[in-house]
Amino acid sequence: MTDPYWNHNVHHHPAVLAAVPDGCGTALDVGCGDGLLARKLAGRGASVTGVDRSPEMIELARARAHGPGNVTYLETDYLADGSLPEGAYDFVSAVAVVHHAPFEKAAGRLARLTAPGGRLVIVGMTANRTVLYWLVSACGVPASQLHARRHGGKRSPAGMPVEDVHMSWAETRQAAHRLLPGCDWRRTLLWRYVLVWDKPREGGSRAASGTAFPAQPRGD
């Protein structure tokens, strides 16, 4: 499908989609916003649930629903709503969501929602705390401007919630490896990190839970 708009989160959608495991039966997109990624996941999973705590975003997602009828949108806070079944989703994605809550709490909840043998993908944001990280971030400016020019500018749905980030790159990476042993974590050029974690099957070894990174969109 053709994206109706482009921004740094949408830029990373191909990386999320490339990580969907073969035979995925159920997928959960946390912080689905207007449902753009959930609609893309509908072509990869038998059943997709998009959740967002913003009533405005869920209303927009439902208004834009089209194509496959295997997507359900729920207005809910994934951290507080106990009705979301833990261990039930073959694939869980969270794009620009985790920094809205303490990392340990958010990552732990997402891991519990993921089914044994399933996969979790987080596209997150962190804060620059050192001169080196600011210099690395500066390298992304030309790439961002080029992509924005190619896509008619950088835009997001009206009313999309915005939250400042607090953890640094190093703090986030260390916490990810501690909380999700065997995960793959890497920083991209456009000011995001992509985390991929395969949840061990019941009785499986956590040391074997890692997975190789899928191909990243050009420009990362």
C-alpha atoms as a PDB file:
ATOM      1  CA  MET A   1       0.000   0.000   0.000  1.00  0.00           C
ATOM      2  CA  THR A   2       1.114   3.581  -0.653  1.00  0.00           C
ATOM      3  CA  ASP A   3       1.745   5.604   2.485  1.00  0.00           C
ATOM      4  CA  PRO A   4      -0.509   8.672   2.752  1.00  0.00           C
ATOM      5  CA  TYR A   5       2.243  10.560   4.568  1.00  0.00           C
ATOM      6  CA  TRP A   6       5.867  10.152   5.676  1.00  0.00           C
ATOM      7  CA  ASN A   7       7.682  10.705   8.941  1.00  0.00           C
ATOM      8  CA  HIS A   8      10.504   9.043  10.868  1.00  0.00           C
ATOM      9  CA  ASN A   9       8.201   6.390  12.322  1.00  0.00           C
ATOM     10  CA  VAL A  10       6.606   5.500   8.987  1.00  0.00           C
ATOM     11  CA  HIS A  11      10.116   5.251   7.560  1.00  0.00           C
ATOM     12  CA  HIS A  12      10.722   2.286   9.862  1.00  0.00           C
ATOM     13  CA  HIS A  13       7.550   0.388   8.962  1.00  0.00           C
ATOM     14  CA  PRO A  14       9.380  -1.777   6.377  1.00  0.00           C
ATOM     15  CA  ALA A  15      11.731  -2.996   9.117  1.00  0.00           C
ATOM     16  CA  VAL A  16       8.743  -3.937  11.281  1.00  0.00           C
ATOM     17  CA  LEU A  17       6.973  -5.733   8.435  1.00  0.00           C
ATOM     18  CA  ALA A  18      10.131  -7.613   7.457  1.00  0.00           C
ATOM     19  CA  ALA A  19      10.288  -9.031  10.979  1.00  0.00           C
ATOM     20  CA  VAL A  20       6.812 -10.599  10.912  1.00  0.00           C
ATOM     21  CA  PRO A  21       7.377 -14.363  11.226  1.00  0.00           C
ATOM     22  CA  ASP A  22       6.058 -16.769   8.625  1.00  0.00           C
ATOM     23  CA  GLY A  23       2.716 -18.234   9.588  1.00  0.00           C
ATOM     24  CA  CYS A  24       1.853 -15.367  11.925  1.00  0.00           C
ATOM     25  CA  GLY A  25      -1.691 -15.928  13.132  1.00  0.00           C
ATOM     26  CA  THR A  26      -2.197 -13.013  15.518  1.00  0.00           C
ATOM     27  CA  ALA A  27      -0.544  -9.605  15.590  1.00  0.00           C
ATOM     28  CA  LEU A  28      -0.829  -6.711  18.027  1.00  0.00           C
ATOM     29  CA  ASP A  29       0.183  -3.149  17.168  1.00  0.00           C
ATOM     30  CA  VAL A  30       0.549  -1.132  20.363  1.00  0.00           C
ATOM     31  CA  GLY A  31       0.109   2.614  20.051  1.00  0.00           C
ATOM     32  CA  CYS A  32      -1.431   2.145  16.622  1.00  0.00           C
ATOM     33  CA  GLY A  33      -2.313   5.811  16.106  1.00  0.00           C
ATOM     34  CA  ASP A  34      -4.368   6.194  12.930  1.00  0.00           C
ATOM     35  CA  GLY A  35      -3.900   2.491  12.147  1.00  0.00           C
ATOM     36  CA  LEU A  36      -1.443   2.835   9.250  1.00  0.00           C
ATOM     37  CA  LEU A  37       0.923   0.088  10.445  1.00  0.00           C
ATOM     38  CA  ALA A  38      -1.949  -2.133  11.619  1.00  0.00           C
ATOM     39  CA  ARG A  39      -3.439  -2.013   8.133  1.00  0.00           C
ATOM     40  CA  LYS A  40      -0.077  -3.045   6.687  1.00  0.00           C
ATOM     41  CA  LEU A  41       0.200  -5.894   9.175  1.00  0.00           C
ATOM     42  CA  ALA A  42      -3.225  -7.117   8.051  1.00  0.00           C
ATOM     43  CA  GLY A  43      -1.546  -8.534   4.974  1.00  0.00           C
ATOM     44  CA  ARG A  44       0.888 -10.534   7.116  1.00  0.00           C
ATOM     45  CA  GLY A  45      -1.258 -11.872   9.972  1.00  0.00           C
ATOM     46  CA  ALA A  46      -4.564 -13.703  10.125  1.00  0.00           C
ATOM     47  CA  SER A  47      -5.845 -11.360  12.832  1.00  0.00           C
ATOM     48  CA  VAL A  48      -4.523  -7.910  13.778  1.00  0.00           C
ATOM     49  CA  THR A  49      -5.443  -5.835  16.827  1.00  0.00           C
ATOM     50  CA  GLY A  50      -4.467  -2.182  17.001  1.00  0.00           C
ATOM     51  CA  VAL A  51      -4.623  -0.511  20.401  1.00  0.00           C
ATOM     52  CA  ASP A  52      -4.164   3.107  21.428  1.00  0.00           C
ATOM     53  CA  ARG A  53      -5.108   5.004  24.554  1.00  0.00           C
ATOM     54  CA  SER A  54      -6.080   8.085  22.530  1.00  0.00           C
ATOM     55  CA  PRO A  55      -9.798   8.091  21.630  1.00  0.00           C
ATOM     56  CA  GLU A  56      -9.070  10.558  18.826  1.00  0.00           C
ATOM     57  CA  MET A  57      -6.526   8.216  17.245  1.00  0.00           C
ATOM     58  CA  ILE A  58      -8.805   5.167  17.501  1.00  0.00           C
ATOM     59  CA  GLU A  59     -11.670   7.139  15.965  1.00  0.00           C
ATOM     60  CA  LEU A  60      -9.355   8.132  13.117  1.00  0.00           C
ATOM     61  CA  ALA A  61      -8.117   4.553  12.670  1.00  0.00           C
ATOM     62  CA  ARG A  62     -11.665   3.234  12.413  1.00  0.00           C
ATOM     63  CA  ALA A  63     -12.610   5.982   9.974  1.00  0.00           C
ATOM     64  CA  ARG A  64      -9.679   5.050   7.744  1.00  0.00           C
ATOM     65  CA  ALA A  65     -10.267   1.308   7.950  1.00  0.00           C
ATOM     66  CA  HIS A  66     -10.471  -0.256   4.529  1.00  0.00           C
ATOM     67  CA  GLY A  67      -9.314  -3.362   2.696  1.00  0.00           C
ATOM     68  CA  PRO A  68      -8.939  -6.586   4.722  1.00  0.00           C
ATOM     69  CA  GLY A  69     -11.475  -6.975   7.506  1.00  0.00           C
ATOM     70  CA  ASN A  70      -9.067  -8.721   9.845  1.00  0.00           C
ATOM     71  CA  VAL A  71      -8.136  -5.592  11.834  1.00  0.00           C
ATOM     72  CA  THR A  72      -9.762  -4.617  15.139  1.00  0.00           C
ATOM     73  CA  TYR A  73      -9.084  -1.296  16.864  1.00  0.00           C
ATOM     74  CA  LEU A  74      -9.415  -0.919  20.618  1.00  0.00           C
ATOM     75  CA  GLU A  75      -9.206   2.242  22.722  1.00  0.00           C
ATOM     76  CA  THR A  76      -7.159   1.004  25.654  1.00  0.00           C
ATOM     77  CA  ASP A  77      -3.964   1.501  27.619  1.00  0.00           C
ATOM     78  CA  TYR A  78      -1.868  -1.623  27.033  1.00  0.00           C
ATOM     79  CA  LEU A  79      -0.131  -1.106  30.375  1.00  0.00           C
ATOM     80  CA  ALA A  80      -3.298  -0.915  32.449  1.00  0.00           C
ATOM     81  CA  ASP A  81      -5.846  -3.019  30.584  1.00  0.00           C
ATOM     82  CA  GLY A  82      -5.794  -6.536  31.929  1.00  0.00           C
ATOM     83  CA  SER A  83      -8.249  -7.709  29.265  1.00  0.00           C
ATOM     84  CA  LEU A  84      -5.502  -7.901  26.652  1.00  0.00           C
ATOM     85  CA  PRO A  85      -4.526 -11.583  26.800  1.00  0.00           C
ATOM     86  CA  GLU A  86      -0.914 -12.167  27.738  1.00  0.00           C
ATOM     87  CA  GLY A  87       1.031 -14.690  25.695  1.00  0.00           C
ATOM     88  CA  ALA A  88      -1.561 -14.559  22.919  1.00  0.00           C
ATOM     89  CA  TYR A  89       0.121 -12.683  20.058  1.00  0.00           C
ATOM     90  CA  ASP A  90       2.536 -14.223  17.571  1.00  0.00           C
ATOM     91  CA  PHE A  91       3.819 -10.758  16.704  1.00  0.00           C
ATOM     92  CA  VAL A  92       3.816  -7.572  18.774  1.00  0.00           C
ATOM     93  CA  SER A  93       4.944  -4.195  17.448  1.00  0.00           C
ATOM     94  CA  ALA A  94       5.359  -0.913  19.281  1.00  0.00           C
ATOM     95  CA  VAL A  95       6.538   2.100  17.287  1.00  0.00           C
ATOM     96  CA  ALA A  96       7.409   5.276  19.237  1.00  0.00           C
ATOM     97  CA  VAL A  97       5.464   3.979  22.234  1.00  0.00           C
ATOM     98  CA  VAL A  98       7.872   2.671  24.859  1.00  0.00           C
ATOM     99  CA  HIS A  99       9.263   6.090  25.826  1.00  0.00           C
ATOM    100  CA  HIS A 100       5.793   7.140  27.061  1.00  0.00           C
ATOM    101  CA  ALA A 101       6.311   4.969  30.170  1.00  0.00           C
ATOM    102  CA  PRO A 102       9.189   3.634  32.292  1.00  0.00           C
ATOM    103  CA  PHE A 103      11.165   1.356  29.968  1.00  0.00           C
ATOM    104  CA  GLU A 104      11.159  -1.634  32.289  1.00  0.00           C
ATOM    105  CA  LYS A 105       7.399  -1.496  32.759  1.00  0.00           C
ATOM    106  CA  ALA A 106       6.681  -1.032  29.048  1.00  0.00           C
ATOM    107  CA  ALA A 107       9.123  -3.652  27.783  1.00  0.00           C
ATOM    108  CA  GLY A 108       7.991  -6.150  30.400  1.00  0.00           C
ATOM    109  CA  ARG A 109       4.342  -5.774  29.462  1.00  0.00           C
ATOM    110  CA  LEU A 110       5.080  -6.092  25.739  1.00  0.00           C
ATOM    111  CA  ALA A 111       7.123  -9.231  26.399  1.00  0.00           C
ATOM    112  CA  ARG A 112       4.264 -10.770  28.365  1.00  0.00           C
ATOM    113  CA  LEU A 113       1.796 -10.024  25.573  1.00  0.00           C
ATOM    114  CA  THR A 114       4.034 -11.882  23.110  1.00  0.00           C
ATOM    115  CA  ALA A 115       3.272 -15.582  22.701  1.00  0.00           C
ATOM    116  CA  PRO A 116       5.984 -18.161  23.468  1.00  0.00           C
ATOM    117  CA  GLY A 117       7.916 -18.543  20.225  1.00  0.00           C
ATOM    118  CA  GLY A 118       6.527 -15.192  19.031  1.00  0.00           C
ATOM    119  CA  ARG A 119       8.377 -12.025  18.125  1.00  0.00           C
ATOM    120  CA  LEU A 120       8.447  -8.524  19.609  1.00  0.00           C
ATOM    121  CA  VAL A 121       9.630  -5.493  17.623  1.00  0.00           C
ATOM    122  CA  ILE A 122      10.124  -2.110  19.255  1.00  0.00           C
ATOM    123  CA  VAL A 123      10.996   1.035  17.326  1.00  0.00           C
ATOM    124  CA  GLY A 124      11.956   3.538  19.975  1.00  0.00           C
ATOM    125  CA  MET A 125      13.390   6.951  20.698  1.00  0.00           C
ATOM    126  CA  THR A 126      16.034   8.036  23.179  1.00  0.00           C
ATOM    127  CA  ALA A 127      17.831  11.187  24.289  1.00  0.00           C
ATOM    128  CA  ASN A 128      21.287  12.420  23.287  1.00  0.00           C
ATOM    129  CA  ARG A 129      23.362  12.859  26.448  1.00  0.00           C
ATOM    130  CA  THR A 130      26.914  13.142  25.099  1.00  0.00           C
ATOM    131  CA  VAL A 131      28.706  15.170  22.459  1.00  0.00           C
ATOM    132  CA  LEU A 132      29.383  11.970  20.493  1.00  0.00           C
ATOM    133  CA  TYR A 133      25.702  11.097  20.310  1.00  0.00           C
ATOM    134  CA  TRP A 134      24.829  14.627  19.239  1.00  0.00           C
ATOM    135  CA  LEU A 135      27.416  14.363  16.456  1.00  0.00           C
ATOM    136  CA  VAL A 136      26.032  11.004  15.340  1.00  0.00           C
ATOM    137  CA  SER A 137      22.522  12.434  15.360  1.00  0.00           C
ATOM    138  CA  ALA A 138      23.651  15.347  13.226  1.00  0.00           C
ATOM    139  CA  CYS A 139      24.606  12.864  10.500  1.00  0.00           C
ATOM    140  CA  GLY A 140      20.930  12.018  10.135  1.00  0.00           C
ATOM    141  CA  VAL A 141      19.869  15.549   9.218  1.00  0.00           C
ATOM    142  CA  PRO A 142      20.746  15.359   5.486  1.00  0.00           C
ATOM    143  CA  ALA A 143      19.119  11.919   5.182  1.00  0.00           C
ATOM    144  CA  SER A 144      15.965  13.155   6.915  1.00  0.00           C
ATOM    145  CA  GLN A 145      15.734  16.191   4.667  1.00  0.00           C
ATOM    146  CA  LEU A 146      16.248  14.063   1.553  1.00  0.00           C
ATOM    147  CA  HIS A 147      13.545  11.574   2.533  1.00  0.00           C
ATOM    148  CA  ALA A 148      11.147  14.373   3.470  1.00  0.00           C
ATOM    149  CA  ARG A 149      11.690  16.026   0.086  1.00  0.00           C
ATOM    150  CA  ARG A 150      11.039  12.740  -1.700  1.00  0.00           C
ATOM    151  CA  HIS A 151       7.791  12.207   0.174  1.00  0.00           C
ATOM    152  CA  GLY A 152       6.393  15.716   0.027  1.00  0.00           C
ATOM    153  CA  GLY A 153       7.395  16.683   3.533  1.00  0.00           C
ATOM    154  CA  LYS A 154       7.321  15.218   7.016  1.00  0.00           C
ATOM    155  CA  ARG A 155       3.798  14.871   8.391  1.00  0.00           C
ATOM    156  CA  SER A 156       1.867  13.046  11.105  1.00  0.00           C
ATOM    157  CA  PRO A 157      -1.853  12.613  11.825  1.00  0.00           C
ATOM    158  CA  ALA A 158      -3.388  15.617  13.571  1.00  0.00           C
ATOM    159  CA  GLY A 159      -3.657  15.065  17.300  1.00  0.00           C
ATOM    160  CA  MET A 160      -0.890  12.456  17.524  1.00  0.00           C
ATOM    161  CA  PRO A 161       0.335  12.465  21.162  1.00  0.00           C
ATOM    162  CA  VAL A 162       3.922  13.631  21.685  1.00  0.00           C
ATOM    163  CA  GLU A 163       6.127  12.814  24.672  1.00  0.00           C
ATOM    164  CA  ASP A 164       9.693  13.847  25.504  1.00  0.00           C
ATOM    165  CA  VAL A 165      12.274  11.084  25.797  1.00  0.00           C
ATOM    166  CA  HIS A 166      14.386  10.717  28.931  1.00  0.00           C
ATOM    167  CA  MET A 167      16.620   7.628  28.705  1.00  0.00           C
ATOM    168  CA  SER A 168      19.883   7.865  26.783  1.00  0.00           C
ATOM    169  CA  TRP A 169      20.937   5.570  23.947  1.00  0.00           C
ATOM    170  CA  ALA A 170      23.297   3.669  26.240  1.00  0.00           C
ATOM    171  CA  GLU A 171      20.737   3.361  29.039  1.00  0.00           C
ATOM    172  CA  THR A 172      18.096   2.051  26.657  1.00  0.00           C
ATOM    173  CA  ARG A 173      20.445  -0.465  25.039  1.00  0.00           C
ATOM    174  CA  GLN A 174      21.636  -1.786  28.398  1.00  0.00           C
ATOM    175  CA  ALA A 175      18.090  -2.086  29.744  1.00  0.00           C
ATOM    176  CA  ALA A 176      16.944  -3.873  26.592  1.00  0.00           C
ATOM    177  CA  HIS A 177      19.648  -6.522  26.818  1.00  0.00           C
ATOM    178  CA  ARG A 178      18.959  -6.990  30.527  1.00  0.00           C
ATOM    179  CA  LEU A 179      15.178  -7.281  30.220  1.00  0.00           C
ATOM    180  CA  LEU A 180      15.041  -9.103  26.879  1.00  0.00           C
ATOM    181  CA  PRO A 181      18.061 -11.421  26.830  1.00  0.00           C
ATOM    182  CA  GLY A 182      19.248 -12.300  23.351  1.00  0.00           C
ATOM    183  CA  CYS A 183      17.521  -9.343  21.695  1.00  0.00           C
ATOM    184  CA  ASP A 184      19.028  -7.501  18.761  1.00  0.00           C
ATOM    185  CA  TRP A 185      19.217  -3.736  19.244  1.00  0.00           C
ATOM    186  CA  ARG A 186      20.609  -1.181  16.878  1.00  0.00           C
ATOM    187  CA  ARG A 187      20.438   2.516  16.283  1.00  0.00           C
ATOM    188  CA  THR A 188      19.326   3.843  12.919  1.00  0.00           C
ATOM    189  CA  LEU A 189      20.332   7.013  11.146  1.00  0.00           C
ATOM    190  CA  LEU A 190      16.924   8.644  11.504  1.00  0.00           C
ATOM    191  CA  TRP A 191      17.004   8.923  15.308  1.00  0.00           C
ATOM    192  CA  ARG A 192      15.377   5.640  16.228  1.00  0.00           C
ATOM    193  CA  TYR A 193      16.495   2.285  17.538  1.00  0.00           C
ATOM    194  CA  VAL A 194      15.017  -1.016  16.367  1.00  0.00           C
ATOM    195  CA  LEU A 195      14.800  -3.883  18.837  1.00  0.00           C
ATOM    196  CA  VAL A 196      13.883  -7.423  17.737  1.00  0.00           C
ATOM    197  CA  TRP A 197      13.326 -10.149  20.326  1.00  0.00           C
ATOM    198  CA  ASP A 198      12.149 -13.718  19.886  1.00  0.00           C
ATOM    199  CA  LYS A 199      10.386 -14.953  23.002  1.00  0.00           C
ATOM    200  CA  PRO A 200      11.595 -18.430  23.968  1.00  0.00           C
ATOM    201  CA  ARG A 201       9.138 -21.244  23.597  1.00  0.00           C
ATOM    202  CA  GLU A 202       7.963 -22.743  26.845  1.00  0.00           C
ATOM    203  CA  GLY A 203      10.825 -24.786  28.252  1.00  0.00           C
ATOM    204  CA  GLY A 204      13.255 -23.266  25.740  1.00  0.00           C
ATOM    205  CA  SER A 205      16.573 -21.625  26.462  1.00  0.00           C
ATOM    206  CA  ARG A 206      16.603 -17.845  26.813  1.00  0.00           C
ATOM    207  CA  ALA A 207      20.142 -17.758  25.456  1.00  0.00           C
ATOM    208  CA  ALA A 208      18.816 -18.802  22.055  1.00  0.00           C
ATOM    209  CA  SER A 209      16.095 -16.179  21.932  1.00  0.00           C
ATOM    210  CA  GLY A 210      17.878 -13.696  19.653  1.00  0.00           C
ATOM    211  CA  THR A 211      17.145 -13.222  15.959  1.00  0.00           C
ATOM    212  CA  ALA A 212      19.039 -11.536  13.177  1.00  0.00           C
ATOM    213  CA  PHE A 213      17.903  -8.060  12.160  1.00  0.00           C
ATOM    214  CA  PRO A 214      15.694  -7.866   9.081  1.00  0.00           C
ATOM    215  CA  ALA A 215      16.807  -5.661   6.228  1.00  0.00           C
ATOM    216  CA  GLN A 216      16.400  -1.988   7.084  1.00  0.00           C
ATOM    217  CA  PRO A 217      14.845   0.630   4.822  1.00  0.00           C
ATOM    218  CA  ARG A 218      17.377   2.471   2.710  1.00  0.00           C
ATOM    219  CA  GLY A 219      18.689   5.549   4.475  1.00  0.00           C
ATOM    220  CA  ASP A 220      18.956   3.990   7.956  1.00  0.00           C
END
